[in-house]
Amino acid sequence: MAKSIFYHAGCPVCVSAEQDIIELIGSGNVEVVHLGEDKARIAEAEREGVKSVPALVTPNGNVLHIN
């Protein structure tokens, strides 16, 4: 099964959302990407359709923007 990808920027809202996502779907089912620490993946996130963070990209390609 493919993993979801959770993109965030490290702000308090993002960190809180990260903890909730991990609790909901399990750490083995989600890859967490901190775009402030891994700037090389910003273009990847944009290609996936991420417009703002925090955002969760599901295995089927849906982008869930969490604000």
PDB file of N, CA and C in Angstrom:
ATOM      1  N   MET A   1       0.839  -1.182   0.000  1.00  0.00           N
ATOM      2  CA  MET A   1       0.000   0.000   0.000  1.00  0.00           C
ATOM      3  C   MET A   1       0.883   1.244   0.000  1.00  0.00           C
ATOM      4  N   ALA A   2       0.556   2.197  -0.849  1.00  0.00           N
ATOM      5  CA  ALA A   2       1.305   3.445  -0.916  1.00  0.00           C
ATOM      6  C   ALA A   2       1.018   4.297   0.315  1.00  0.00           C
ATOM      7  N   LYS A   3       1.991   5.105   0.670  1.00  0.00           N
ATOM      8  CA  LYS A   3       1.837   5.984   1.826  1.00  0.00           C
ATOM      9  C   LYS A   3       1.259   7.332   1.406  1.00  0.00           C
ATOM     10  N   SER A   4       0.582   7.972   2.349  1.00  0.00           N
ATOM     11  CA  SER A   4       0.223   9.373   2.193  1.00  0.00           C
ATOM     12  C   SER A   4       1.484  10.185   2.472  1.00  0.00           C
ATOM     13  N   ILE A   5       1.501  11.431   1.987  1.00  0.00           N
ATOM     14  CA  ILE A   5       2.618  12.330   2.271  1.00  0.00           C
ATOM     15  C   ILE A   5       2.051  13.577   2.931  1.00  0.00           C
ATOM     16  N   PHE A   6       2.582  13.911   4.102  1.00  0.00           N
ATOM     17  CA  PHE A   6       2.160  15.094   4.834  1.00  0.00           C
ATOM     18  C   PHE A   6       3.254  16.140   4.709  1.00  0.00           C
ATOM     19  N   TYR A   7       2.945  17.243   4.007  1.00  0.00           N
ATOM     20  CA  TYR A   7       3.892  18.339   3.830  1.00  0.00           C
ATOM     21  C   TYR A   7       3.579  19.431   4.840  1.00  0.00           C
ATOM     22  N   HIS A   8       4.634  19.970   5.464  1.00  0.00           N
ATOM     23  CA  HIS A   8       4.415  21.080   6.391  1.00  0.00           C
ATOM     24  C   HIS A   8       5.656  21.954   6.470  1.00  0.00           C
ATOM     25  N   ALA A   9       5.508  23.087   7.184  1.00  0.00           N
ATOM     26  CA  ALA A   9       6.593  24.060   7.275  1.00  0.00           C
ATOM     27  C   ALA A   9       7.147  24.209   8.683  1.00  0.00           C
ATOM     28  N   GLY A  10       6.644  23.431   9.622  1.00  0.00           N
ATOM     29  CA  GLY A  10       7.188  23.461  10.972  1.00  0.00           C
ATOM     30  C   GLY A  10       6.529  24.426  11.934  1.00  0.00           C
ATOM     31  N   CYS A  11       5.508  25.148  11.492  1.00  0.00           N
ATOM     32  CA  CYS A  11       4.823  26.083  12.388  1.00  0.00           C
ATOM     33  C   CYS A  11       4.006  25.296  13.423  1.00  0.00           C
ATOM     34  N   PRO A  12       3.566  25.945  14.492  1.00  0.00           N
ATOM     35  CA  PRO A  12       2.795  25.231  15.516  1.00  0.00           C
ATOM     36  C   PRO A  12       1.542  24.535  14.973  1.00  0.00           C
ATOM     37  N   VAL A  13       0.841  25.170  14.037  1.00  0.00           N
ATOM     38  CA  VAL A  13      -0.344  24.542  13.441  1.00  0.00           C
ATOM     39  C   VAL A  13       0.064  23.283  12.686  1.00  0.00           C
ATOM     40  N   CYS A  14       1.171  23.364  11.951  1.00  0.00           N
ATOM     41  CA  CYS A  14       1.654  22.212  11.182  1.00  0.00           C
ATOM     42  C   CYS A  14       2.051  21.052  12.093  1.00  0.00           C
ATOM     43  N   VAL A  15       2.759  21.363  13.157  1.00  0.00           N
ATOM     44  CA  VAL A  15       3.213  20.319  14.079  1.00  0.00           C
ATOM     45  C   VAL A  15       2.021  19.650  14.750  1.00  0.00           C
ATOM     46  N   SER A  16       1.034  20.434  15.134  1.00  0.00           N
ATOM     47  CA  SER A  16      -0.178  19.875  15.733  1.00  0.00           C
ATOM     48  C   SER A  16      -0.908  18.982  14.738  1.00  0.00           C
ATOM     49  N   ALA A  17      -1.029  19.446  13.490  1.00  0.00           N
ATOM     50  CA  ALA A  17      -1.693  18.652  12.456  1.00  0.00           C
ATOM     51  C   ALA A  17      -0.913  17.370  12.183  1.00  0.00           C
ATOM     52  N   GLU A  18       0.419  17.450  12.182  1.00  0.00           N
ATOM     53  CA  GLU A  18       1.255  16.259  11.980  1.00  0.00           C
ATOM     54  C   GLU A  18       0.955  15.209  13.042  1.00  0.00           C
ATOM     55  N   GLN A  19       0.901  15.635  14.289  1.00  0.00           N
ATOM     56  CA  GLN A  19       0.627  14.700  15.378  1.00  0.00           C
ATOM     57  C   GLN A  19      -0.750  14.060  15.218  1.00  0.00           C
ATOM     58  N   ASP A  20      -1.746  14.856  14.829  1.00  0.00           N
ATOM     59  CA  ASP A  20      -3.098  14.325  14.635  1.00  0.00           C
ATOM     60  C   ASP A  20      -3.154  13.344  13.468  1.00  0.00           C
ATOM     61  N   ILE A  21      -2.484  13.677  12.361  1.00  0.00           N
ATOM     62  CA  ILE A  21      -2.472  12.789  11.191  1.00  0.00           C
ATOM     63  C   ILE A  21      -1.827  11.457  11.559  1.00  0.00           C
ATOM     64  N   ILE A  22      -0.697  11.502  12.249  1.00  0.00           N
ATOM     65  CA  ILE A  22      -0.016  10.264  12.646  1.00  0.00           C
ATOM     66  C   ILE A  22      -0.905   9.438  13.565  1.00  0.00           C
ATOM     67  N   GLU A  23      -1.586  10.095  14.486  1.00  0.00           N
ATOM     68  CA  GLU A  23      -2.489   9.379  15.388  1.00  0.00           C
ATOM     69  C   GLU A  23      -3.658   8.755  14.621  1.00  0.00           C
ATOM     70  N   LEU A  24      -4.162   9.458  13.610  1.00  0.00           N
ATOM     71  CA  LEU A  24      -5.311   8.961  12.846  1.00  0.00           C
ATOM     72  C   LEU A  24      -4.961   7.798  11.923  1.00  0.00           C
ATOM     73  N   ILE A  25      -3.862   7.923  11.165  1.00  0.00           N
ATOM     74  CA  ILE A  25      -3.590   6.906  10.146  1.00  0.00           C
ATOM     75  C   ILE A  25      -2.354   6.058  10.440  1.00  0.00           C
ATOM     76  N   GLY A  26      -1.601   6.421  11.467  1.00  0.00           N
ATOM     77  CA  GLY A  26      -0.436   5.624  11.849  1.00  0.00           C
ATOM     78  C   GLY A  26       0.831   6.079  11.154  1.00  0.00           C
ATOM     79  N   SER A  27       1.925   6.064  11.881  1.00  0.00           N
ATOM     80  CA  SER A  27       3.197   6.552  11.343  1.00  0.00           C
ATOM     81  C   SER A  27       3.702   5.717  10.170  1.00  0.00           C
ATOM     82  N   GLY A  28       3.308   4.458  10.107  1.00  0.00           N
ATOM     83  CA  GLY A  28       3.728   3.608   9.001  1.00  0.00           C
ATOM     84  C   GLY A  28       2.995   3.871   7.704  1.00  0.00           C
ATOM     85  N   ASN A  29       1.950   4.695   7.773  1.00  0.00           N
ATOM     86  CA  ASN A  29       1.134   4.973   6.590  1.00  0.00           C
ATOM     87  C   ASN A  29       1.318   6.376   6.045  1.00  0.00           C
ATOM     88  N   VAL A  30       2.233   7.131   6.646  1.00  0.00           N
ATOM     89  CA  VAL A  30       2.427   8.514   6.202  1.00  0.00           C
ATOM     90  C   VAL A  30       3.904   8.881   6.236  1.00  0.00           C
ATOM     91  N   GLU A  31       4.338   9.556   5.191  1.00  0.00           N
ATOM     92  CA  GLU A  31       5.684  10.132   5.150  1.00  0.00           C
ATOM     93  C   GLU A  31       5.537  11.609   5.495  1.00  0.00           C
ATOM     94  N   VAL A  32       6.308  12.083   6.441  1.00  0.00           N
ATOM     95  CA  VAL A  32       6.246  13.484   6.853  1.00  0.00           C
ATOM     96  C   VAL A  32       7.404  14.234   6.201  1.00  0.00           C
ATOM     97  N   VAL A  33       7.063  15.333   5.511  1.00  0.00           N
ATOM     98  CA  VAL A  33       8.072  16.144   4.836  1.00  0.00           C
ATOM     99  C   VAL A  33       8.005  17.566   5.386  1.00  0.00           C
ATOM    100  N   HIS A  34       9.070  17.984   6.046  1.00  0.00           N
ATOM    101  CA  HIS A  34       9.195  19.352   6.572  1.00  0.00           C
ATOM    102  C   HIS A  34       9.871  20.169   5.472  1.00  0.00           C
ATOM    103  N   LEU A  35       9.097  20.995   4.781  1.00  0.00           N
ATOM    104  CA  LEU A  35       9.628  21.720   3.632  1.00  0.00           C
ATOM    105  C   LEU A  35      10.657  22.783   4.017  1.00  0.00           C
ATOM    106  N   GLY A  36      10.636  23.236   5.255  1.00  0.00           N
ATOM    107  CA  GLY A  36      11.651  24.176   5.713  1.00  0.00           C
ATOM    108  C   GLY A  36      13.013  23.520   5.853  1.00  0.00           C
ATOM    109  N   GLU A  37      13.017  22.233   6.137  1.00  0.00           N
ATOM    110  CA  GLU A  37      14.263  21.481   6.296  1.00  0.00           C
ATOM    111  C   GLU A  37      14.658  20.743   5.029  1.00  0.00           C
ATOM    112  N   ASP A  38      13.708  20.523   4.128  1.00  0.00           N
ATOM    113  CA  ASP A  38      13.969  19.777   2.895  1.00  0.00           C
ATOM    114  C   ASP A  38      13.421  20.563   1.708  1.00  0.00           C
ATOM    115  N   LYS A  39      14.050  21.721   1.455  1.00  0.00           N
ATOM    116  CA  LYS A  39      13.580  22.632   0.414  1.00  0.00           C
ATOM    117  C   LYS A  39      13.586  21.993  -0.978  1.00  0.00           C
ATOM    118  N   ALA A  40      14.403  20.980  -1.174  1.00  0.00           N
ATOM    119  CA  ALA A  40      14.466  20.308  -2.467  1.00  0.00           C
ATOM    120  C   ALA A  40      13.141  19.648  -2.835  1.00  0.00           C
ATOM    121  N   ARG A  41      12.270  19.443  -1.854  1.00  0.00           N
ATOM    122  CA  ARG A  41      11.000  18.756  -2.127  1.00  0.00           C
ATOM    123  C   ARG A  41       9.836  19.717  -2.356  1.00  0.00           C
ATOM    124  N   ILE A  42      10.116  21.026  -2.336  1.00  0.00           N
ATOM    125  CA  ILE A  42       9.055  22.003  -2.588  1.00  0.00           C
ATOM    126  C   ILE A  42       8.470  21.809  -3.983  1.00  0.00           C
ATOM    127  N   ALA A  43       9.309  21.642  -4.985  1.00  0.00           N
ATOM    128  CA  ALA A  43       8.826  21.448  -6.358  1.00  0.00           C
ATOM    129  C   ALA A  43       7.974  20.184  -6.458  1.00  0.00           C
ATOM    130  N   GLU A  44       8.373  19.139  -5.756  1.00  0.00           N
ATOM    131  CA  GLU A  44       7.589  17.893  -5.725  1.00  0.00           C
ATOM    132  C   GLU A  44       6.197  18.160  -5.160  1.00  0.00           C
ATOM    133  N   ALA A  45       6.146  18.884  -4.052  1.00  0.00           N
ATOM    134  CA  ALA A  45       4.857  19.196  -3.428  1.00  0.00           C
ATOM    135  C   ALA A  45       3.978  19.993  -4.387  1.00  0.00           C
ATOM    136  N   GLU A  46       4.571  20.955  -5.075  1.00  0.00           N
ATOM    137  CA  GLU A  46       3.814  21.749  -6.044  1.00  0.00           C
ATOM    138  C   GLU A  46       3.289  20.881  -7.180  1.00  0.00           C
ATOM    139  N   ARG A  47       4.098  19.955  -7.674  1.00  0.00           N
ATOM    140  CA  ARG A  47       3.645  19.040  -8.741  1.00  0.00           C
ATOM    141  C   ARG A  47       2.482  18.179  -8.271  1.00  0.00           C
ATOM    142  N   GLU A  48       2.478  17.824  -6.997  1.00  0.00           N
ATOM    143  CA  GLU A  48       1.404  17.004  -6.428  1.00  0.00           C
ATOM    144  C   GLU A  48       0.112  17.801  -6.259  1.00  0.00           C
ATOM    145  N   GLY A  49       0.205  19.146  -6.355  1.00  0.00           N
ATOM    146  CA  GLY A  49      -0.978  19.986  -6.220  1.00  0.00           C
ATOM    147  C   GLY A  49      -1.084  20.727  -4.906  1.00  0.00           C
ATOM    148  N   VAL A  50      -0.032  20.675  -4.097  1.00  0.00           N
ATOM    149  CA  VAL A  50      -0.042  21.377  -2.815  1.00  0.00           C
ATOM    150  C   VAL A  50       0.053  22.879  -3.082  1.00  0.00           C
ATOM    151  N   LYS A  51      -0.919  23.625  -2.536  1.00  0.00           N
ATOM    152  CA  LYS A  51      -0.960  25.084  -2.690  1.00  0.00           C
ATOM    153  C   LYS A  51      -0.556  25.798  -1.409  1.00  0.00           C
ATOM    154  N   SER A  52      -0.774  25.152  -0.275  1.00  0.00           N
ATOM    155  CA  SER A  52      -0.421  25.714   1.028  1.00  0.00           C
ATOM    156  C   SER A  52      -0.181  24.548   1.978  1.00  0.00           C
ATOM    157  N   VAL A  53       0.514  24.836   3.054  1.00  0.00           N
ATOM    158  CA  VAL A  53       0.763  23.804   4.060  1.00  0.00           C
ATOM    159  C   VAL A  53       0.152  24.231   5.381  1.00  0.00           C
ATOM    160  N   PRO A  54      -0.223  23.291   6.195  1.00  0.00           N
ATOM    161  CA  PRO A  54      -0.031  21.851   6.056  1.00  0.00           C
ATOM    162  C   PRO A  54      -0.988  21.246   5.031  1.00  0.00           C
ATOM    163  N   ALA A  55      -0.526  20.185   4.386  1.00  0.00           N
ATOM    164  CA  ALA A  55      -1.339  19.480   3.395  1.00  0.00           C
ATOM    165  C   ALA A  55      -0.989  17.996   3.405  1.00  0.00           C
ATOM    166  N   LEU A  56      -2.006  17.187   3.174  1.00  0.00           N
ATOM    167  CA  LEU A  56      -1.833  15.737   3.099  1.00  0.00           C
ATOM    168  C   LEU A  56      -2.169  15.288   1.688  1.00  0.00           C
ATOM    169  N   VAL A  57      -1.228  14.602   1.042  1.00  0.00           N
ATOM    170  CA  VAL A  57      -1.473  14.019  -0.276  1.00  0.00           C
ATOM    171  C   VAL A  57      -1.751  12.541  -0.052  1.00  0.00           C
ATOM    172  N   THR A  58      -2.939  12.114  -0.450  1.00  0.00           N
ATOM    173  CA  THR A  58      -3.349  10.732  -0.233  1.00  0.00           C
ATOM    174  C   THR A  58      -2.740   9.824  -1.302  1.00  0.00           C
ATOM    175  N   PRO A  59      -2.728   8.510  -1.065  1.00  0.00           N
ATOM    176  CA  PRO A  59      -2.145   7.591  -2.046  1.00  0.00           C
ATOM    177  C   PRO A  59      -2.788   7.671  -3.434  1.00  0.00           C
ATOM    178  N   ASN A  60      -4.059   8.082  -3.507  1.00  0.00           N
ATOM    179  CA  ASN A  60      -4.696   8.182  -4.824  1.00  0.00           C
ATOM    180  C   ASN A  60      -4.536   9.566  -5.439  1.00  0.00           C
ATOM    181  N   GLY A  61      -3.739  10.441  -4.811  1.00  0.00           N
ATOM    182  CA  GLY A  61      -3.408  11.731  -5.399  1.00  0.00           C
ATOM    183  C   GLY A  61      -4.254  12.906  -4.962  1.00  0.00           C
ATOM    184  N   ASN A  62      -5.227  12.686  -4.099  1.00  0.00           N
ATOM    185  CA  ASN A  62      -6.014  13.810  -3.592  1.00  0.00           C
ATOM    186  C   ASN A  62      -5.161  14.635  -2.639  1.00  0.00           C
ATOM    187  N   VAL A  63      -5.345  15.951  -2.690  1.00  0.00           N
ATOM    188  CA  VAL A  63      -4.622  16.853  -1.797  1.00  0.00           C
ATOM    189  C   VAL A  63      -5.613  17.436  -0.803  1.00  0.00           C
ATOM    190  N   LEU A  64      -5.347  17.206   0.469  1.00  0.00           N
ATOM    191  CA  LEU A  64      -6.189  17.734   1.536  1.00  0.00           C
ATOM    192  C   LEU A  64      -5.424  18.863   2.208  1.00  0.00           C
ATOM    193  N   HIS A  65      -5.870  20.108   1.971  1.00  0.00           N
ATOM    194  CA  HIS A  65      -5.245  21.266   2.607  1.00  0.00           C
ATOM    195  C   HIS A  65      -5.865  21.442   3.984  1.00  0.00           C
ATOM    196  N   ILE A  66      -5.029  21.522   4.989  1.00  0.00           N
ATOM    197  CA  ILE A  66      -5.482  21.568   6.381  1.00  0.00           C
ATOM    198  C   ILE A  66      -5.160  22.951   6.940  1.00  0.00           C
ATOM    199  N   ASN A  67      -6.210  23.715   7.234  1.00  0.00           N
ATOM    200  CA  ASN A  67      -6.004  25.056   7.803  1.00  0.00           C
ATOM    201  C   ASN A  67      -6.952  25.233   8.955  1.00  0.00           C
TER     202      ASN A  67
END
